[in-house]
PDB file of N, CA and C in Angstrom:
ATOM      1  N   MET A   1      -1.471  25.133 -15.578  1.00  0.00           N
ATOM      2  CA  MET A   1      -1.662  24.118 -16.836  1.00  0.00           C
ATOM      3  C   MET A   1      -2.359  22.646 -15.850  1.00  0.00           C
ATOM      4  N   GLU A   2      -3.431  22.146 -15.924  1.00  0.00           N
ATOM      5  CA  GLU A   2      -4.232  21.381 -14.969  1.00  0.00           C
ATOM      6  C   GLU A   2      -3.702  19.768 -15.143  1.00  0.00           C
ATOM      7  N   LYS A   3      -3.479  19.817 -13.991  1.00  0.00           N
ATOM      8  CA  LYS A   3      -2.416  18.409 -13.401  1.00  0.00           C
ATOM      9  C   LYS A   3      -3.321  17.567 -13.646  1.00  0.00           C
ATOM     10  N   PHE A   4      -2.621  15.907 -14.369  1.00  0.00           N
ATOM     11  CA  PHE A   4      -3.057  14.855 -14.472  1.00  0.00           C
ATOM     12  C   PHE A   4      -3.741  13.577 -13.206  1.00  0.00           C
ATOM     13  N   LYS A   5      -4.890  13.016 -13.633  1.00  0.00           N
ATOM     14  CA  LYS A   5      -5.292  13.420 -12.543  1.00  0.00           C
ATOM     15  C   LYS A   5      -4.187  10.967 -12.963  1.00  0.00           C
ATOM     16  N   LYS A   6      -3.944  10.182 -11.532  1.00  0.00           N
ATOM     17  CA  LYS A   6      -3.164   9.681 -11.825  1.00  0.00           C
ATOM     18  C   LYS A   6      -4.494   8.677 -12.219  1.00  0.00           C
ATOM     19  N   LYS A   7      -4.045   7.417 -12.857  1.00  0.00           N
ATOM     20  CA  LYS A   7      -5.378   6.368 -13.444  1.00  0.00           C
ATOM     21  C   LYS A   7      -4.828   5.475 -12.684  1.00  0.00           C
ATOM     22  N   ILE A   8      -5.918   4.643 -11.916  1.00  0.00           N
ATOM     23  CA  ILE A   8      -5.840   3.163 -11.400  1.00  0.00           C
ATOM     24  C   ILE A   8      -7.007   2.314 -12.088  1.00  0.00           C
ATOM     25  N   LEU A   9      -6.571   0.613 -11.641  1.00  0.00           N
ATOM     26  CA  LEU A   9      -7.561   0.065 -12.157  1.00  0.00           C
ATOM     27  C   LEU A   9      -7.774  -1.122 -10.592  1.00  0.00           C
ATOM     28  N   VAL A  10      -8.835  -1.099 -10.121  1.00  0.00           N
ATOM     29  CA  VAL A  10      -8.893  -1.838  -9.205  1.00  0.00           C
ATOM     30  C   VAL A  10      -9.537  -3.738  -9.875  1.00  0.00           C
ATOM     31  N   VAL A  11      -8.669  -4.268 -10.155  1.00  0.00           N
ATOM     32  CA  VAL A  11      -9.007  -5.887 -10.373  1.00  0.00           C
ATOM     33  C   VAL A  11      -9.585  -6.271  -9.196  1.00  0.00           C
ATOM     34  N   ASP A  12     -11.410  -7.278  -9.174  1.00  0.00           N
ATOM     35  CA  ASP A  12     -11.597  -8.003  -7.905  1.00  0.00           C
ATOM     36  C   ASP A  12     -12.842  -8.296  -8.594  1.00  0.00           C
ATOM     37  N   ASP A  13     -13.112  -9.538  -7.882  1.00  0.00           N
ATOM     38  CA  ASP A  13     -14.750 -10.182  -8.228  1.00  0.00           C
ATOM     39  C   ASP A  13     -15.840 -10.024  -7.381  1.00  0.00           C
ATOM     40  N   ASP A  14     -15.578  -9.616  -7.031  1.00  0.00           N
ATOM     41  CA  ASP A  14     -16.678  -9.060  -6.055  1.00  0.00           C
ATOM     42  C   ASP A  14     -16.966  -7.612  -6.388  1.00  0.00           C
ATOM     43  N   GLU A  15     -17.844  -7.262  -6.758  1.00  0.00           N
ATOM     44  CA  GLU A  15     -18.684  -6.598  -7.718  1.00  0.00           C
ATOM     45  C   GLU A  15     -18.826  -4.883  -6.771  1.00  0.00           C
ATOM     46  N   MET A  16     -19.535  -5.165  -5.339  1.00  0.00           N
ATOM     47  CA  MET A  16     -19.089  -4.180  -4.222  1.00  0.00           C
ATOM     48  C   MET A  16     -18.651  -3.705  -3.692  1.00  0.00           C
ATOM     49  N   LEU A  17     -17.254  -4.935  -3.458  1.00  0.00           N
ATOM     50  CA  LEU A  17     -16.181  -3.789  -3.219  1.00  0.00           C
ATOM     51  C   LEU A  17     -15.299  -3.325  -4.254  1.00  0.00           C
ATOM     52  N   LEU A  18     -15.773  -3.192  -5.943  1.00  0.00           N
ATOM     53  CA  LEU A  18     -15.062  -2.891  -6.813  1.00  0.00           C
ATOM     54  C   LEU A  18     -15.431  -1.167  -7.147  1.00  0.00           C
ATOM     55  N   MET A  19     -17.252  -1.314  -6.887  1.00  0.00           N
ATOM     56  CA  MET A  19     -17.993  -0.192  -6.230  1.00  0.00           C
ATOM     57  C   MET A  19     -17.933   0.682  -5.081  1.00  0.00           C
ATOM     58  N   ALA A  20     -17.225   0.325  -4.561  1.00  0.00           N
ATOM     59  CA  ALA A  20     -17.463   0.987  -3.252  1.00  0.00           C
ATOM     60  C   ALA A  20     -15.769   1.862  -3.265  1.00  0.00           C
ATOM     61  N   THR A  21     -14.413   1.108  -3.066  1.00  0.00           N
ATOM     62  CA  THR A  21     -12.690   0.997  -4.258  1.00  0.00           C
ATOM     63  C   THR A  21     -13.270   2.440  -4.538  1.00  0.00           C
ATOM     64  N   LYS A  22     -13.729   2.371  -5.921  1.00  0.00           N
ATOM     65  CA  LYS A  22     -13.755   3.502  -7.503  1.00  0.00           C
ATOM     66  C   LYS A  22     -14.262   4.670  -5.792  1.00  0.00           C
ATOM     67  N   GLU A  23     -15.645   4.349  -5.658  1.00  0.00           N
ATOM     68  CA  GLU A  23     -15.924   5.848  -4.717  1.00  0.00           C
ATOM     69  C   GLU A  23     -15.050   5.925  -4.596  1.00  0.00           C
ATOM     70  N   LEU A  24     -14.311   5.787  -3.087  1.00  0.00           N
ATOM     71  CA  LEU A  24     -13.751   6.213  -2.200  1.00  0.00           C
ATOM     72  C   LEU A  24     -12.473   6.982  -2.961  1.00  0.00           C
ATOM     73  N   LEU A  25     -11.556   6.153  -4.234  1.00  0.00           N
ATOM     74  CA  LEU A  25     -10.301   6.581  -4.750  1.00  0.00           C
ATOM     75  C   LEU A  25     -10.711   8.117  -5.507  1.00  0.00           C
ATOM     76  N   THR A  26     -12.010   7.833  -6.418  1.00  0.00           N
ATOM     77  CA  THR A  26     -12.165   9.240  -7.283  1.00  0.00           C
ATOM     78  C   THR A  26     -12.418  10.028  -6.505  1.00  0.00           C
ATOM     79  N   ALA A  27     -13.273   9.916  -4.476  1.00  0.00           N
ATOM     80  CA  ALA A  27     -13.446  11.608  -4.367  1.00  0.00           C
ATOM     81  C   ALA A  27     -12.103  11.702  -3.994  1.00  0.00           C
ATOM     82  N   GLU A  28     -10.608  10.930  -3.388  1.00  0.00           N
ATOM     83  CA  GLU A  28      -9.388  11.355  -3.320  1.00  0.00           C
ATOM     84  C   GLU A  28      -8.977  11.808  -4.855  1.00  0.00           C
ATOM     85  N   GLY A  29      -9.895  12.258  -5.998  1.00  0.00           N
ATOM     86  CA  GLY A  29      -9.426  12.680  -7.033  1.00  0.00           C
ATOM     87  C   GLY A  29      -8.315  11.450  -7.841  1.00  0.00           C
ATOM     88  N   TYR A  30      -8.253  10.273  -7.773  1.00  0.00           N
ATOM     89  CA  TYR A  30      -8.137   9.544  -8.797  1.00  0.00           C
ATOM     90  C   TYR A  30      -9.228   9.118  -9.739  1.00  0.00           C
ATOM     91  N   ASP A  31      -8.691   9.051 -11.471  1.00  0.00           N
ATOM     92  CA  ASP A  31      -8.851   7.798 -12.527  1.00  0.00           C
ATOM     93  C   ASP A  31      -9.155   6.761 -12.005  1.00  0.00           C
ATOM     94  N   VAL A  32     -10.207   5.838 -11.673  1.00  0.00           N
ATOM     95  CA  VAL A  32     -10.478   4.950 -11.232  1.00  0.00           C
ATOM     96  C   VAL A  32     -11.324   3.799 -12.828  1.00  0.00           C
ATOM     97  N   ALA A  33     -10.893   2.962 -13.070  1.00  0.00           N
ATOM     98  CA  ALA A  33     -11.262   1.877 -13.244  1.00  0.00           C
ATOM     99  C   ALA A  33     -11.654   0.737 -13.214  1.00  0.00           C
ATOM    100  N   THR A  34     -12.412  -0.432 -12.818  1.00  0.00           N
ATOM    101  CA  THR A  34     -12.439  -1.231 -12.328  1.00  0.00           C
ATOM    102  C   THR A  34     -12.717  -2.866 -13.379  1.00  0.00           C
ATOM    103  N   HIS A  35     -12.535  -3.936 -13.268  1.00  0.00           N
ATOM    104  CA  HIS A  35     -12.288  -4.710 -13.873  1.00  0.00           C
ATOM    105  C   HIS A  35     -13.046  -5.807 -13.393  1.00  0.00           C
ATOM    106  N   VAL A  36     -13.984  -6.959 -13.301  1.00  0.00           N
ATOM    107  CA  VAL A  36     -14.386  -8.072 -12.252  1.00  0.00           C
ATOM    108  C   VAL A  36     -13.796  -9.504 -12.304  1.00  0.00           C
ATOM    109  N   SER A  37     -13.090  -9.318 -13.078  1.00  0.00           N
ATOM    110  CA  SER A  37     -12.344 -11.117 -13.691  1.00  0.00           C
ATOM    111  C   SER A  37     -10.793 -10.330 -13.602  1.00  0.00           C
ATOM    112  N   GLY A  38     -10.018 -11.883 -13.611  1.00  0.00           N
ATOM    113  CA  GLY A  38      -9.186 -11.780 -14.111  1.00  0.00           C
ATOM    114  C   GLY A  38      -8.865 -12.159 -15.801  1.00  0.00           C
ATOM    115  N   PHE A  39      -9.742 -12.239 -15.941  1.00  0.00           N
ATOM    116  CA  PHE A  39      -9.642 -12.658 -17.261  1.00  0.00           C
ATOM    117  C   PHE A  39     -10.229 -11.082 -18.243  1.00  0.00           C
ATOM    118  N   GLY A  40      -9.318 -10.717 -18.972  1.00  0.00           N
ATOM    119  CA  GLY A  40      -8.875 -10.062 -20.242  1.00  0.00           C
ATOM    120  C   GLY A  40      -7.967  -8.442 -19.755  1.00  0.00           C
ATOM    121  N   VAL A  41      -7.770  -9.065 -18.394  1.00  0.00           N
ATOM    122  CA  VAL A  41      -7.082  -7.473 -17.334  1.00  0.00           C
ATOM    123  C   VAL A  41      -5.255  -7.428 -17.900  1.00  0.00           C
ATOM    124  N   ILE A  42      -4.919  -8.215 -18.924  1.00  0.00           N
ATOM    125  CA  ILE A  42      -3.477  -7.964 -19.536  1.00  0.00           C
ATOM    126  C   ILE A  42      -3.780  -7.187 -20.552  1.00  0.00           C
ATOM    127  N   ASN A  43      -5.318  -7.295 -21.529  1.00  0.00           N
ATOM    128  CA  ASN A  43      -5.545  -5.839 -22.508  1.00  0.00           C
ATOM    129  C   ASN A  43      -5.880  -4.897 -21.404  1.00  0.00           C
ATOM    130  N   ARG A  44      -6.775  -4.907 -20.943  1.00  0.00           N
ATOM    131  CA  ARG A  44      -7.618  -3.563 -20.525  1.00  0.00           C
ATOM    132  C   ARG A  44      -6.161  -2.460 -19.951  1.00  0.00           C
ATOM    133  N   ILE A  45      -5.294  -3.661 -19.125  1.00  0.00           N
ATOM    134  CA  ILE A  45      -3.975  -2.444 -18.752  1.00  0.00           C
ATOM    135  C   ILE A  45      -3.611  -1.821 -20.400  1.00  0.00           C
ATOM    136  N   THR A  46      -2.652  -3.104 -20.607  1.00  0.00           N
ATOM    137  CA  THR A  46      -2.739  -2.162 -22.237  1.00  0.00           C
ATOM    138  C   THR A  46      -3.340  -1.257 -23.433  1.00  0.00           C
ATOM    139  N   THR A  47      -4.789  -1.077 -22.918  1.00  0.00           N
ATOM    140  CA  THR A  47      -5.413  -0.327 -23.763  1.00  0.00           C
ATOM    141  C   THR A  47      -5.286   1.049 -22.973  1.00  0.00           C
ATOM    142  N   SER A  48      -5.590   0.691 -21.408  1.00  0.00           N
ATOM    143  CA  SER A  48      -6.334   1.916 -20.226  1.00  0.00           C
ATOM    144  C   SER A  48      -4.061   2.408 -19.822  1.00  0.00           C
ATOM    145  N   ARG A  49      -3.596   1.881 -19.422  1.00  0.00           N
ATOM    146  CA  ARG A  49      -2.387   2.586 -19.226  1.00  0.00           C
ATOM    147  C   ARG A  49      -2.586   2.865 -17.693  1.00  0.00           C
ATOM    148  N   PRO A  50      -2.700   2.036 -16.817  1.00  0.00           N
ATOM    149  CA  PRO A  50      -3.132   2.691 -15.793  1.00  0.00           C
ATOM    150  C   PRO A  50      -1.851   2.997 -15.312  1.00  0.00           C
ATOM    151  N   ASP A  51      -1.830   3.566 -13.554  1.00  0.00           N
ATOM    152  CA  ASP A  51      -0.643   3.940 -13.063  1.00  0.00           C
ATOM    153  C   ASP A  51      -0.397   2.804 -12.138  1.00  0.00           C
ATOM    154  N   ILE A  52      -1.331   2.606 -11.569  1.00  0.00           N
ATOM    155  CA  ILE A  52      -1.365   1.455 -11.158  1.00  0.00           C
ATOM    156  C   ILE A  52      -2.077   0.878 -10.529  1.00  0.00           C
ATOM    157  N   VAL A  53      -2.364  -0.809 -10.713  1.00  0.00           N
ATOM    158  CA  VAL A  53      -3.452  -1.857 -10.519  1.00  0.00           C
ATOM    159  C   VAL A  53      -3.256  -2.596  -9.096  1.00  0.00           C
ATOM    160  N   LEU A  54      -4.502  -2.135  -8.590  1.00  0.00           N
ATOM    161  CA  LEU A  54      -4.930  -2.961  -7.010  1.00  0.00           C
ATOM    162  C   LEU A  54      -5.218  -4.217  -7.395  1.00  0.00           C
ATOM    163  N   LEU A  55      -5.271  -5.668  -6.720  1.00  0.00           N
ATOM    164  CA  LEU A  55      -5.485  -6.673  -7.468  1.00  0.00           C
ATOM    165  C   LEU A  55      -4.827  -7.488  -6.497  1.00  0.00           C
ATOM    166  N   ASP A  56      -6.577  -7.997  -6.187  1.00  0.00           N
ATOM    167  CA  ASP A  56      -7.228  -9.175  -5.024  1.00  0.00           C
ATOM    168  C   ASP A  56      -6.271 -10.710  -6.027  1.00  0.00           C
ATOM    169  N   ILE A  57      -6.462 -10.578  -4.735  1.00  0.00           N
ATOM    170  CA  ILE A  57      -5.436 -12.592  -4.742  1.00  0.00           C
ATOM    171  C   ILE A  57      -6.583 -13.164  -5.054  1.00  0.00           C
ATOM    172  N   ASN A  58      -7.758 -12.998  -3.850  1.00  0.00           N
ATOM    173  CA  ASN A  58      -9.048 -14.705  -3.936  1.00  0.00           C
ATOM    174  C   ASN A  58      -9.861 -14.413  -5.193  1.00  0.00           C
ATOM    175  N   MET A  59      -9.402 -14.708  -6.756  1.00  0.00           N
ATOM    176  CA  MET A  59     -10.539 -14.502  -7.235  1.00  0.00           C
ATOM    177  C   MET A  59     -10.756 -16.783  -8.449  1.00  0.00           C
ATOM    178  N   PRO A  60     -11.799 -16.406  -8.236  1.00  0.00           N
ATOM    179  CA  PRO A  60     -12.132 -17.537  -9.163  1.00  0.00           C
ATOM    180  C   PRO A  60     -10.900 -17.734 -10.412  1.00  0.00           C
ATOM    181  N   ALA A  61     -10.949 -19.219 -10.709  1.00  0.00           N
ATOM    182  CA  ALA A  61     -10.024 -19.467 -12.200  1.00  0.00           C
ATOM    183  C   ALA A  61      -9.068 -18.832 -12.024  1.00  0.00           C
ATOM    184  N   LEU A  62      -8.813 -17.492 -11.888  1.00  0.00           N
ATOM    185  CA  LEU A  62      -7.119 -16.959 -12.267  1.00  0.00           C
ATOM    186  C   LEU A  62      -7.459 -16.333 -10.928  1.00  0.00           C
ATOM    187  N   SER A  63      -6.488 -16.953 -10.391  1.00  0.00           N
ATOM    188  CA  SER A  63      -6.250 -15.847  -8.684  1.00  0.00           C
ATOM    189  C   SER A  63      -5.853 -14.543  -9.318  1.00  0.00           C
ATOM    190  N   GLY A  64      -5.038 -14.030  -8.621  1.00  0.00           N
ATOM    191  CA  GLY A  64      -4.607 -12.159  -8.507  1.00  0.00           C
ATOM    192  C   GLY A  64      -3.171 -13.128  -8.251  1.00  0.00           C
ATOM    193  N   ASP A  65      -2.568 -13.775  -7.505  1.00  0.00           N
ATOM    194  CA  ASP A  65      -1.025 -14.025  -7.712  1.00  0.00           C
ATOM    195  C   ASP A  65      -0.499 -14.571  -8.607  1.00  0.00           C
ATOM    196  N   ASN A  66      -1.338 -15.460  -9.389  1.00  0.00           N
ATOM    197  CA  ASN A  66      -0.750 -15.994 -10.448  1.00  0.00           C
ATOM    198  C   ASN A  66      -1.615 -14.933 -12.064  1.00  0.00           C
ATOM    199  N   LEU A  67      -1.928 -14.266 -11.720  1.00  0.00           N
ATOM    200  CA  LEU A  67      -2.400 -13.280 -13.131  1.00  0.00           C
ATOM    201  C   LEU A  67      -1.417 -12.011 -12.789  1.00  0.00           C
ATOM    202  N   ALA A  68      -0.625 -11.844 -11.707  1.00  0.00           N
ATOM    203  CA  ALA A  68       0.713 -11.069 -10.948  1.00  0.00           C
ATOM    204  C   ALA A  68       1.190 -11.544 -12.139  1.00  0.00           C
ATOM    205  N   LYS A  69       1.740 -12.797 -12.239  1.00  0.00           N
ATOM    206  CA  LYS A  69       3.317 -13.127 -12.434  1.00  0.00           C
ATOM    207  C   LYS A  69       3.063 -13.017 -14.444  1.00  0.00           C
ATOM    208  N   LEU A  70       1.635 -12.955 -14.763  1.00  0.00           N
ATOM    209  CA  LEU A  70       1.247 -13.244 -16.096  1.00  0.00           C
ATOM    210  C   LEU A  70       1.589 -11.474 -16.412  1.00  0.00           C
ATOM    211  N   VAL A  71       0.813 -10.599 -16.010  1.00  0.00           N
ATOM    212  CA  VAL A  71       0.960  -8.925 -16.105  1.00  0.00           C
ATOM    213  C   VAL A  71       2.397  -8.676 -16.470  1.00  0.00           C
ATOM    214  N   LEU A  72       3.199  -8.600 -15.014  1.00  0.00           N
ATOM    215  CA  LEU A  72       4.619  -8.503 -15.079  1.00  0.00           C
ATOM    216  C   LEU A  72       5.103  -9.227 -16.201  1.00  0.00           C
ATOM    217  N   GLN A  73       4.627 -10.557 -16.808  1.00  0.00           N
ATOM    218  CA  GLN A  73       5.287 -10.856 -18.018  1.00  0.00           C
ATOM    219  C   GLN A  73       5.446  -9.836 -19.190  1.00  0.00           C
ATOM    220  N   ARG A  74       4.458  -9.593 -19.800  1.00  0.00           N
ATOM    221  CA  ARG A  74       4.123  -8.199 -20.813  1.00  0.00           C
ATOM    222  C   ARG A  74       4.099  -7.093 -20.496  1.00  0.00           C
ATOM    223  N   CYS A  75       3.418  -6.564 -19.240  1.00  0.00           N
ATOM    224  CA  CYS A  75       3.320  -5.073 -18.994  1.00  0.00           C
ATOM    225  C   CYS A  75       3.762  -4.598 -18.131  1.00  0.00           C
ATOM    226  N   ASP A  76       4.441  -3.450 -18.114  1.00  0.00           N
ATOM    227  CA  ASP A  76       5.376  -2.336 -17.452  1.00  0.00           C
ATOM    228  C   ASP A  76       4.990  -1.684 -15.978  1.00  0.00           C
ATOM    229  N   VAL A  77       4.035  -1.781 -15.526  1.00  0.00           N
ATOM    230  CA  VAL A  77       2.884  -1.386 -14.044  1.00  0.00           C
ATOM    231  C   VAL A  77       3.117  -2.163 -13.036  1.00  0.00           C
ATOM    232  N   PRO A  78       3.057  -1.303 -12.294  1.00  0.00           N
ATOM    233  CA  PRO A  78       2.723  -1.530 -11.037  1.00  0.00           C
ATOM    234  C   PRO A  78       1.906  -2.177 -10.131  1.00  0.00           C
ATOM    235  N   ILE A  79       1.773  -3.384  -9.058  1.00  0.00           N
ATOM    236  CA  ILE A  79       0.969  -4.073  -9.116  1.00  0.00           C
ATOM    237  C   ILE A  79       0.768  -3.896  -7.889  1.00  0.00           C
ATOM    238  N   VAL A  80       0.034  -3.642  -7.166  1.00  0.00           N
ATOM    239  CA  VAL A  80      -0.252  -3.683  -5.299  1.00  0.00           C
ATOM    240  C   VAL A  80      -1.479  -4.683  -5.169  1.00  0.00           C
ATOM    241  N   PHE A  81      -1.718  -5.909  -4.425  1.00  0.00           N
ATOM    242  CA  PHE A  81      -2.281  -6.503  -3.757  1.00  0.00           C
ATOM    243  C   PHE A  81      -3.190  -6.075  -3.197  1.00  0.00           C
ATOM    244  N   HIS A  82      -4.644  -6.171  -3.357  1.00  0.00           N
ATOM    245  CA  HIS A  82      -5.308  -5.648  -1.891  1.00  0.00           C
ATOM    246  C   HIS A  82      -5.845  -6.826  -1.958  1.00  0.00           C
ATOM    247  N   SER A  83      -6.159  -7.704  -0.257  1.00  0.00           N
ATOM    248  CA  SER A  83      -6.909  -8.600  -0.524  1.00  0.00           C
ATOM    249  C   SER A  83      -7.197  -8.536   1.654  1.00  0.00           C
ATOM    250  N   SER A  84      -7.765  -9.626   1.599  1.00  0.00           N
ATOM    251  CA  SER A  84      -8.384  -9.963   2.772  1.00  0.00           C
ATOM    252  C   SER A  84      -7.412 -10.868   3.277  1.00  0.00           C
ATOM    253  N   ASN A  85      -6.657 -11.811   2.733  1.00  0.00           N
ATOM    254  CA  ASN A  85      -5.864 -12.380   3.426  1.00  0.00           C
ATOM    255  C   ASN A  85      -4.448 -11.867   4.598  1.00  0.00           C
ATOM    256  N   ASP A  86      -4.169 -13.035   4.920  1.00  0.00           N
ATOM    257  CA  ASP A  86      -3.805 -12.320   6.472  1.00  0.00           C
ATOM    258  C   ASP A  86      -2.385 -11.934   5.909  1.00  0.00           C
ATOM    259  N   GLU A  87      -1.842 -10.829   6.355  1.00  0.00           N
ATOM    260  CA  GLU A  87      -0.626 -10.252   6.523  1.00  0.00           C
ATOM    261  C   GLU A  87       0.629 -10.559   5.852  1.00  0.00           C
ATOM    262  N   ASP A  88       0.711 -12.419   6.805  1.00  0.00           N
ATOM    263  CA  ASP A  88       2.287 -12.753   6.177  1.00  0.00           C
ATOM    264  C   ASP A  88       1.990 -13.351   4.992  1.00  0.00           C
ATOM    265  N   SER A  89       0.669 -14.140   4.986  1.00  0.00           N
ATOM    266  CA  SER A  89       0.690 -14.204   3.168  1.00  0.00           C
ATOM    267  C   SER A  89       0.599 -13.416   2.166  1.00  0.00           C
ATOM    268  N   LEU A  90       0.574 -12.142   2.712  1.00  0.00           N
ATOM    269  CA  LEU A  90       0.461 -11.008   1.741  1.00  0.00           C
ATOM    270  C   LEU A  90       1.577 -11.133   1.220  1.00  0.00           C
ATOM    271  N   ARG A  91       2.440 -10.732   2.558  1.00  0.00           N
ATOM    272  CA  ARG A  91       4.253 -10.445   2.401  1.00  0.00           C
ATOM    273  C   ARG A  91       4.510 -11.741   1.608  1.00  0.00           C
ATOM    274  N   ARG A  92       4.601 -13.056   1.259  1.00  0.00           N
ATOM    275  CA  ARG A  92       5.204 -13.858   1.117  1.00  0.00           C
ATOM    276  C   ARG A  92       4.517 -13.869  -0.447  1.00  0.00           C
ATOM    277  N   ALA A  93       3.600 -13.770  -0.720  1.00  0.00           N
ATOM    278  CA  ALA A  93       3.250 -12.991  -2.206  1.00  0.00           C
ATOM    279  C   ALA A  93       3.834 -12.466  -2.502  1.00  0.00           C
ATOM    280  N   VAL A  94       3.528 -11.371  -1.713  1.00  0.00           N
ATOM    281  CA  VAL A  94       4.303 -10.212  -2.768  1.00  0.00           C
ATOM    282  C   VAL A  94       5.691 -10.321  -3.262  1.00  0.00           C
ATOM    283  N   ALA A  95       7.308 -11.182  -2.178  1.00  0.00           N
ATOM    284  CA  ALA A  95       8.258 -10.980  -2.549  1.00  0.00           C
ATOM    285  C   ALA A  95       8.485 -12.318  -3.965  1.00  0.00           C
ATOM    286  N   GLU A  96       7.487 -13.119  -4.011  1.00  0.00           N
ATOM    287  CA  GLU A  96       7.118 -14.121  -4.547  1.00  0.00           C
ATOM    288  C   GLU A  96       6.803 -13.672  -5.613  1.00  0.00           C
ATOM    289  N   CYS A  97       5.817 -13.214  -5.886  1.00  0.00           N
ATOM    290  CA  CYS A  97       5.312 -12.386  -7.291  1.00  0.00           C
ATOM    291  C   CYS A  97       6.246 -10.811  -7.850  1.00  0.00           C
ATOM    292  N   ARG A  98       6.672 -10.581  -6.795  1.00  0.00           N
ATOM    293  CA  ARG A  98       7.605  -9.199  -7.080  1.00  0.00           C
ATOM    294  C   ARG A  98       6.507  -8.091  -7.501  1.00  0.00           C
ATOM    295  N   VAL A  99       5.462  -7.650  -6.687  1.00  0.00           N
ATOM    296  CA  VAL A  99       4.821  -7.184  -7.112  1.00  0.00           C
ATOM    297  C   VAL A  99       5.918  -5.677  -6.155  1.00  0.00           C
ATOM    298  N   LYS A 100       4.301  -4.768  -5.664  1.00  0.00           N
ATOM    299  CA  LYS A 100       5.215  -3.121  -5.203  1.00  0.00           C
ATOM    300  C   LYS A 100       4.610  -3.382  -3.504  1.00  0.00           C
ATOM    301  N   GLY A 101       3.952  -4.079  -3.400  1.00  0.00           N
ATOM    302  CA  GLY A 101       3.277  -4.823  -2.422  1.00  0.00           C
ATOM    303  C   GLY A 101       1.715  -4.778  -1.599  1.00  0.00           C
ATOM    304  N   TYR A 102       1.234  -4.819  -0.820  1.00  0.00           N
ATOM    305  CA  TYR A 102       0.343  -5.322  -1.068  1.00  0.00           C
ATOM    306  C   TYR A 102      -0.614  -3.977   0.216  1.00  0.00           C
ATOM    307  N   ILE A 103      -1.767  -3.722   0.041  1.00  0.00           N
ATOM    308  CA  ILE A 103      -3.115  -3.155   0.728  1.00  0.00           C
ATOM    309  C   ILE A 103      -4.393  -4.201   1.502  1.00  0.00           C
ATOM    310  N   CYS A 104      -4.277  -4.136   2.903  1.00  0.00           N
ATOM    311  CA  CYS A 104      -5.667  -4.896   3.287  1.00  0.00           C
ATOM    312  C   CYS A 104      -6.520  -4.709   3.337  1.00  0.00           C
ATOM    313  N   LYS A 105      -7.783  -5.217   2.582  1.00  0.00           N
ATOM    314  CA  LYS A 105      -9.146  -5.016   2.880  1.00  0.00           C
ATOM    315  C   LYS A 105      -9.606  -4.194   3.949  1.00  0.00           C
ATOM    316  N   GLY A 106     -10.741  -3.469   4.160  1.00  0.00           N
ATOM    317  CA  GLY A 106     -11.491  -3.075   4.892  1.00  0.00           C
ATOM    318  C   GLY A 106     -11.024  -2.474   5.682  1.00  0.00           C
ATOM    319  N   ASP A 107      -9.618  -1.633   5.840  1.00  0.00           N
ATOM    320  CA  ASP A 107      -9.430  -0.330   6.324  1.00  0.00           C
ATOM    321  C   ASP A 107      -9.413   1.138   4.951  1.00  0.00           C
ATOM    322  N   ILE A 108     -10.032   1.763   5.578  1.00  0.00           N
ATOM    323  CA  ILE A 108     -10.026   3.030   3.663  1.00  0.00           C
ATOM    324  C   ILE A 108      -9.399   3.615   3.997  1.00  0.00           C
ATOM    325  N   PHE A 109      -8.857   3.646   5.294  1.00  0.00           N
ATOM    326  CA  PHE A 109      -7.280   5.214   5.562  1.00  0.00           C
ATOM    327  C   PHE A 109      -5.880   4.535   5.350  1.00  0.00           C
ATOM    328  N   ASP A 110      -5.556   2.816   5.186  1.00  0.00           N
ATOM    329  CA  ASP A 110      -4.929   2.561   5.088  1.00  0.00           C
ATOM    330  C   ASP A 110      -5.110   2.301   3.674  1.00  0.00           C
ATOM    331  N   LEU A 111      -6.018   2.020   3.206  1.00  0.00           N
ATOM    332  CA  LEU A 111      -5.780   2.295   1.281  1.00  0.00           C
ATOM    333  C   LEU A 111      -5.676   3.741   0.738  1.00  0.00           C
ATOM    334  N   LYS A 112      -6.192   4.554   1.369  1.00  0.00           N
ATOM    335  CA  LYS A 112      -5.917   5.905   0.938  1.00  0.00           C
ATOM    336  C   LYS A 112      -4.674   6.017   0.294  1.00  0.00           C
ATOM    337  N   ARG A 113      -3.830   5.916   1.762  1.00  0.00           N
ATOM    338  CA  ARG A 113      -2.298   6.517   2.410  1.00  0.00           C
ATOM    339  C   ARG A 113      -2.106   5.703   1.819  1.00  0.00           C
ATOM    340  N   LYS A 114      -1.881   4.587   1.268  1.00  0.00           N
ATOM    341  CA  LYS A 114      -0.845   3.313   0.719  1.00  0.00           C
ATOM    342  C   LYS A 114      -1.196   3.840  -0.714  1.00  0.00           C
ATOM    343  N   VAL A 115      -2.163   3.479  -1.084  1.00  0.00           N
ATOM    344  CA  VAL A 115      -2.128   3.915  -2.442  1.00  0.00           C
ATOM    345  C   VAL A 115      -1.760   5.065  -2.858  1.00  0.00           C
ATOM    346  N   ALA A 116      -1.472   6.293  -2.576  1.00  0.00           N
ATOM    347  CA  ALA A 116      -1.042   7.945  -2.518  1.00  0.00           C
ATOM    348  C   ALA A 116       0.453   7.141  -2.421  1.00  0.00           C
ATOM    349  N   THR A 117       1.102   6.311  -1.430  1.00  0.00           N
ATOM    350  CA  THR A 117       2.936   6.377  -1.065  1.00  0.00           C
ATOM    351  C   THR A 117       3.176   5.651  -2.119  1.00  0.00           C
ATOM    352  N   TYR A 118       2.920   4.323  -2.877  1.00  0.00           N
ATOM    353  CA  TYR A 118       2.708   3.549  -3.897  1.00  0.00           C
ATOM    354  C   TYR A 118       2.908   4.436  -5.370  1.00  0.00           C
ATOM    355  N   LEU A 119       1.807   5.409  -5.518  1.00  0.00           N
ATOM    356  CA  LEU A 119       2.215   6.309  -6.778  1.00  0.00           C
ATOM    357  C   LEU A 119       3.309   7.655  -6.625  1.00  0.00           C
ATOM    358  N   LEU A 120       3.332   7.127  -5.759  1.00  0.00           N
ATOM    359  CA  LEU A 120       5.016   8.646  -5.564  1.00  0.00           C
ATOM    360  C   LEU A 120       5.582   7.940  -6.492  1.00  0.00           C
TER     361      LEU A 120
END
């Protein structure tokens, strides 16, 4: 029986980062979808049912921390912040928004390791 691929939705306003993250995680064997803004994310989650959502915090119009609160009111999906913010502010945002955790942008080995851990 073929093992089902874990589905990841990556939400970020930086299209280059979205493409790079998708390529990296696809190479790790995940089914990766991307979304370029906070708008429409709840609908995307309900239709695609990802196993985890990687969510940027610093997005225009609808920030990732506010979006996380909205998503968690409507969807039962693990959210992990994927951000370039400093770790202290990320820890505070994780506690405030009650998301699963955070991954700092820029370290591809940490991204691979933490995604695998969060998907266990």
